[in-house]
């Protein structure tokens, strides 16, 4: 069985069209050659954003004092971000200002990630580096604003770049590292983590389904191809379920790291 599975990898690699990173850079489908050109992934973002706003708007419009099931689910999600992400990290007094921002980040990334397993879309809207980078820059701007508002930009930079209590020769090495952390490492950690996880997960699902199609449809030996293809299909289904969990997990990680980075901009008690 192991030998057949290994042979399947080789045969599928030769006969099936395996997905690549280029599949996340689809050609333009609307307004080609203009500044408003739209490809498939941009269209998915537009549709997902519209659906998210429509659903939340309708839910808010028909909100009742005693919530129904759907309103209860939405309110639970909002309360989860507020209490388990923002308030747990920043506290209620400091965190109230950032609840709308972190809630927007969490729900938008979650819905964008889920697009990768929705039939007809089949591509996460965060599967290119641009969208995660936009959210990371938003977080970076907010923690710089928080630092300037809470302790003054000059004092914040002096404290971050020249850590108190460190012998001055160490600053030669430590200060450049601190600069990289503020300007590059923090936004890069948010961007790359989200982008890489969504791309790799989608490639695994697509690869399993490509192998399944090859064995069940294109393979010459149907007696062997159908059961092997069924195994690959089952693997693809399992990975799809796992992708749904990863969609939530990456939205949660991005939201909580954004909250942590903003909270670091405030002076310690």
Protein backbone atom coordinates (compact mmCIF):
# COMPACT_ATOMS: atom_id res chain seq x y z
CA UNK A 1 0.00 0.00 0.00
CA UNK A 2 2.84 2.35 0.84
CA UNK A 3 4.49 1.47 -2.46
CA UNK A 4 1.30 2.25 -4.37
CA UNK A 5 0.95 5.52 -2.50
CA UNK A 6 4.50 6.54 -3.37
CA UNK A 7 4.01 5.52 -6.96
CA UNK A 8 0.86 7.58 -6.97
CA UNK A 9 2.85 10.64 -6.04
CA UNK A 10 5.20 10.11 -8.95
CA UNK A 11 2.49 9.32 -11.48
CA UNK A 12 0.29 12.18 -10.37
CA UNK A 13 3.23 14.51 -10.57
CA UNK A 14 3.76 13.47 -14.17
CA UNK A 15 0.14 13.30 -15.30
CA UNK A 16 -1.81 15.78 -13.20
CA UNK A 17 -1.63 19.53 -13.29
CA UNK A 18 -0.47 20.41 -9.78
CA UNK A 19 -1.28 23.87 -8.39
CA UNK A 20 1.45 26.43 -7.89
CA UNK A 21 1.83 29.89 -6.40
CA UNK A 22 1.05 31.30 -9.86
CA UNK A 23 -2.54 30.15 -9.33
CA UNK A 24 -2.83 32.90 -6.72
CA UNK A 25 -2.03 35.53 -9.35
CA UNK A 26 -4.95 35.06 -11.75
CA UNK A 27 -5.24 37.16 -14.92
CA UNK A 28 -7.44 40.22 -15.11
CA UNK A 29 -11.07 39.47 -15.92
CA UNK A 30 -12.63 42.95 -15.87
CA UNK A 31 -11.43 46.32 -17.16
CA UNK A 32 -8.23 44.83 -18.55
CA UNK A 33 -5.50 47.34 -19.28
CA UNK A 34 -7.01 50.10 -17.12
CA UNK A 35 -6.12 51.36 -13.61
CA UNK A 36 -9.37 49.71 -12.44
CA UNK A 37 -8.48 46.22 -13.69
CA UNK A 38 -9.97 43.47 -11.53
CA UNK A 39 -8.77 39.89 -11.34
CA UNK A 40 -10.47 36.97 -9.66
CA UNK A 41 -9.00 37.50 -6.19
CA UNK A 42 -9.95 41.20 -6.15
CA UNK A 43 -13.48 40.26 -7.20
CA UNK A 44 -13.61 37.75 -4.34
CA UNK A 45 -12.59 40.50 -1.91
CA UNK A 46 -15.31 42.80 -3.21
CA UNK A 47 -17.97 40.09 -2.97
CA UNK A 48 -16.83 38.93 0.49
CA UNK A 49 -16.75 42.48 1.85
CA UNK A 50 -20.18 43.24 0.42
CA UNK A 51 -21.66 40.06 1.92
CA UNK A 52 -20.07 40.76 5.31
CA UNK A 53 -21.40 44.33 5.41
CA UNK A 54 -24.84 43.22 4.21
CA UNK A 55 -25.16 40.45 6.78
CA UNK A 56 -23.96 42.60 9.69
CA UNK A 57 -26.15 45.50 8.54
CA UNK A 58 -29.29 43.37 8.31
CA UNK A 59 -28.50 41.77 11.69
CA UNK A 60 -28.06 45.19 13.32
CA UNK A 61 -31.23 46.54 11.70
CA UNK A 62 -33.36 43.67 13.00
CA UNK A 63 -31.65 43.35 16.38
CA UNK A 64 -33.97 42.52 19.27
CA UNK A 65 -33.65 42.83 23.02
CA UNK A 66 -33.97 39.07 23.30
CA UNK A 67 -31.73 37.83 20.47
CA UNK A 68 -32.64 34.97 18.20
CA UNK A 69 -30.19 32.27 17.17
CA UNK A 70 -28.51 34.21 14.39
CA UNK A 71 -28.28 37.44 16.38
CA UNK A 72 -26.91 35.41 19.28
CA UNK A 73 -24.16 33.95 17.08
CA UNK A 74 -23.16 37.40 15.79
CA UNK A 75 -23.19 38.92 19.26
CA UNK A 76 -21.12 36.02 20.58
CA UNK A 77 -18.51 36.71 17.90
CA UNK A 78 -18.43 40.42 18.74
CA UNK A 79 -18.19 39.69 22.47
CA UNK A 80 -15.43 37.14 21.86
CA UNK A 81 -13.21 39.69 20.10
CA UNK A 82 -13.95 42.39 22.66
CA UNK A 83 -13.53 40.30 25.82
CA UNK A 84 -11.11 37.50 24.85
CA UNK A 85 -8.83 39.50 22.57
CA UNK A 86 -8.89 43.22 23.27
CA UNK A 87 -9.82 43.40 26.96
CA UNK A 88 -7.69 40.39 27.94
CA UNK A 89 -4.61 42.07 26.45
CA UNK A 90 -5.22 45.79 27.02
CA UNK A 91 -7.82 45.97 29.74
CA UNK A 92 -11.26 47.54 29.41
CA UNK A 93 -10.29 51.19 29.92
CA UNK A 94 -7.46 51.21 27.38
CA UNK A 95 -9.04 48.71 25.02
CA UNK A 96 -12.37 50.45 24.35
CA UNK A 97 -10.73 52.69 21.76
CA UNK A 98 -9.46 49.72 19.76
CA UNK A 99 -12.45 47.35 19.89
CA UNK A 100 -13.88 48.55 16.52
CA UNK A 101 -10.50 48.25 14.80
CA UNK A 102 -9.63 44.78 16.10
CA UNK A 103 -13.19 43.54 15.47
CA UNK A 104 -12.97 44.74 11.87
CA UNK A 105 -9.61 43.06 11.39
CA UNK A 106 -10.79 39.76 12.90
CA UNK A 107 -14.05 39.42 10.99
CA UNK A 108 -12.64 40.63 7.68
CA UNK A 109 -9.66 38.27 7.78
CA UNK A 110 -11.87 35.38 8.92
CA UNK A 111 -14.34 35.83 6.06
CA UNK A 112 -11.53 36.43 3.55
CA UNK A 113 -9.83 33.21 4.71
CA UNK A 114 -13.04 31.20 4.44
CA UNK A 115 -13.33 32.12 0.76
CA UNK A 116 -10.65 29.50 0.12
CA UNK A 117 -13.09 26.67 0.87
CA UNK A 118 -16.32 28.21 -0.47
CA UNK A 119 -17.37 26.55 -3.75
CA UNK A 120 -17.20 28.97 -6.65
CA UNK A 121 -14.53 31.08 -4.96
CA UNK A 122 -11.95 28.44 -3.99
CA UNK A 123 -9.35 31.08 -3.22
CA UNK A 124 -8.66 32.85 0.05
CA UNK A 125 -8.82 36.61 -0.37
CA UNK A 126 -5.73 36.82 1.85
CA UNK A 127 -3.71 34.46 -0.35
CA UNK A 128 -1.69 37.29 -1.88
CA UNK A 129 0.70 39.39 0.15
CA UNK A 130 -1.11 42.70 -0.52
CA UNK A 131 -4.13 42.18 1.72
CA UNK A 132 -2.22 40.97 4.81
CA UNK A 133 0.23 43.84 4.29
CA UNK A 134 -2.62 46.37 4.32
CA UNK A 135 -3.83 45.09 7.70
CA UNK A 136 -0.26 45.01 9.03
CA UNK A 137 0.35 48.63 7.98
CA UNK A 138 -2.92 49.63 9.64
CA UNK A 139 -1.70 48.02 12.86
CA UNK A 140 1.70 49.70 12.56
CA UNK A 141 0.12 53.12 12.08
CA UNK A 142 -2.09 52.58 15.11
CA UNK A 143 0.72 51.61 17.46
CA UNK A 144 2.75 54.63 16.34
CA UNK A 145 -0.27 56.87 16.97
CA UNK A 146 -0.83 55.22 20.35
CA UNK A 147 2.82 55.82 21.29
CA UNK A 148 2.69 59.49 20.24
CA UNK A 149 -0.57 60.05 22.10
CA UNK A 150 0.32 58.24 25.33
CA UNK A 151 3.95 59.18 25.94
CA UNK A 152 5.15 61.40 23.13
CA UNK A 153 6.85 60.09 20.01
CA UNK A 154 10.32 61.25 21.05
CA UNK A 155 10.13 59.63 24.47
CA UNK A 156 8.76 56.42 22.97
CA UNK A 157 11.53 56.18 20.38
CA UNK A 158 14.22 56.93 22.96
CA UNK A 159 12.86 54.23 25.27
CA UNK A 160 12.46 51.64 22.47
CA UNK A 161 15.75 52.27 20.69
CA UNK A 162 17.91 52.82 23.75
CA UNK A 163 16.64 50.36 26.32
CA UNK A 164 17.26 51.67 29.85
CA UNK A 165 19.76 49.80 32.01
CA UNK A 166 21.83 48.45 29.11
CA UNK A 167 25.59 49.23 28.92
CA UNK A 168 26.17 51.81 26.20
CA UNK A 169 28.45 49.64 23.99
CA UNK A 170 25.55 47.20 23.61
CA UNK A 171 23.50 49.94 21.91
CA UNK A 172 25.74 49.58 18.84
CA UNK A 173 24.14 46.17 18.26
CA UNK A 174 20.82 46.58 20.05
CA UNK A 175 19.60 49.84 18.54
CA UNK A 176 19.62 48.65 14.88
CA UNK A 177 17.77 45.51 15.99
CA UNK A 178 15.15 47.62 17.75
CA UNK A 179 14.73 49.78 14.66
CA UNK A 180 14.19 46.68 12.53
CA UNK A 181 11.66 45.37 15.04
CA UNK A 182 9.60 48.57 14.98
CA UNK A 183 9.68 49.17 11.24
CA UNK A 184 10.08 45.72 9.66
CA UNK A 185 9.79 42.71 11.97
CA UNK A 186 6.40 43.51 13.52
CA UNK A 187 4.53 44.22 10.25
CA UNK A 188 6.42 41.45 8.47
CA UNK A 189 5.50 38.91 11.16
CA UNK A 190 1.82 39.76 10.72
CA UNK A 191 1.98 39.76 6.92
CA UNK A 192 4.05 36.64 6.29
CA UNK A 193 2.30 34.49 8.90
CA UNK A 194 -1.16 35.10 7.42
CA UNK A 195 -0.11 35.01 3.77
CA UNK A 196 2.08 31.89 4.06
CA UNK A 197 -0.47 29.89 6.04
CA UNK A 198 -3.31 30.59 3.63
CA UNK A 199 -1.22 29.86 0.53
CA UNK A 200 0.25 26.64 1.91
CA UNK A 201 -3.11 25.36 3.14
CA UNK A 202 -4.81 26.04 -0.16
CA UNK A 203 -1.98 24.39 -2.09
CA UNK A 204 -2.31 21.25 0.04
CA UNK A 205 -6.06 21.04 -0.57
CA UNK A 206 -5.65 21.68 -4.29
CA UNK A 207 -2.85 19.11 -4.54
CA UNK A 208 -4.94 16.40 -2.85
CA UNK A 209 -7.83 17.07 -5.22
CA UNK A 210 -5.51 17.12 -8.24
CA UNK A 211 -4.16 13.69 -7.30
CA UNK A 212 -7.70 12.43 -6.70
CA UNK A 213 -8.80 13.62 -10.16
CA UNK A 214 -5.82 12.02 -11.83
CA UNK A 215 -6.29 8.61 -10.22
CA UNK A 216 -10.08 8.50 -10.57
CA UNK A 217 -10.40 10.01 -14.06
CA UNK A 218 -7.12 10.01 -15.96
CA UNK A 219 -5.27 6.96 -14.65
CA UNK A 220 -5.13 3.99 -17.01
CA UNK A 221 -5.55 1.35 -14.27
CA UNK A 222 -9.07 2.07 -12.95
CA UNK A 223 -9.00 -0.93 -10.60
CA UNK A 224 -6.14 0.64 -8.68
CA UNK A 225 -6.95 4.25 -9.53
CA UNK A 226 -10.42 4.48 -7.98
CA UNK A 227 -9.49 3.40 -4.41
CA UNK A 228 -6.26 5.43 -4.45
CA UNK A 229 -8.14 8.43 -5.82
CA UNK A 230 -10.77 7.98 -3.11
CA UNK A 231 -8.03 8.15 -0.49
CA UNK A 232 -6.70 11.36 -2.00
CA UNK A 233 -10.22 12.78 -2.10
CA UNK A 234 -10.74 11.91 1.57
CA UNK A 235 -7.45 13.63 2.32
CA UNK A 236 -8.62 16.69 0.43
CA UNK A 237 -11.89 16.74 2.39
CA UNK A 238 -10.00 16.45 5.68
CA UNK A 239 -7.67 19.28 4.67
CA UNK A 240 -10.68 21.40 3.71
CA UNK A 241 -12.13 20.96 7.20
CA UNK A 242 -8.74 21.80 8.65
CA UNK A 243 -8.61 24.92 6.46
CA UNK A 244 -11.85 26.12 8.07
CA UNK A 245 -10.16 25.86 11.46
CA UNK A 246 -7.03 27.59 10.15
CA UNK A 247 -9.19 30.41 8.76
CA UNK A 248 -10.42 31.14 12.27
CA UNK A 249 -7.05 30.54 13.91
CA UNK A 250 -5.15 32.93 11.62
CA UNK A 251 -7.77 35.65 12.10
CA UNK A 252 -7.48 35.19 15.87
CA UNK A 253 -3.66 35.24 15.83
CA UNK A 254 -3.56 38.35 13.63
CA UNK A 255 -6.08 40.14 15.86
CA UNK A 256 -4.36 39.28 19.13
CA UNK A 257 -0.87 40.15 17.82
CA UNK A 258 -2.18 43.49 16.55
CA UNK A 259 -3.61 44.14 20.01
CA UNK A 260 -0.33 43.18 21.67
CA UNK A 261 1.73 45.44 19.40
CA UNK A 262 -0.55 48.41 20.05
CA UNK A 263 -0.49 47.74 23.78
CA UNK A 264 3.33 47.76 23.75
CA UNK A 265 3.18 51.40 22.64
CA UNK A 266 1.72 52.47 25.97
CA UNK A 267 4.01 53.26 28.92
CA UNK A 268 4.34 50.53 31.50
CA UNK A 269 2.47 51.01 34.75
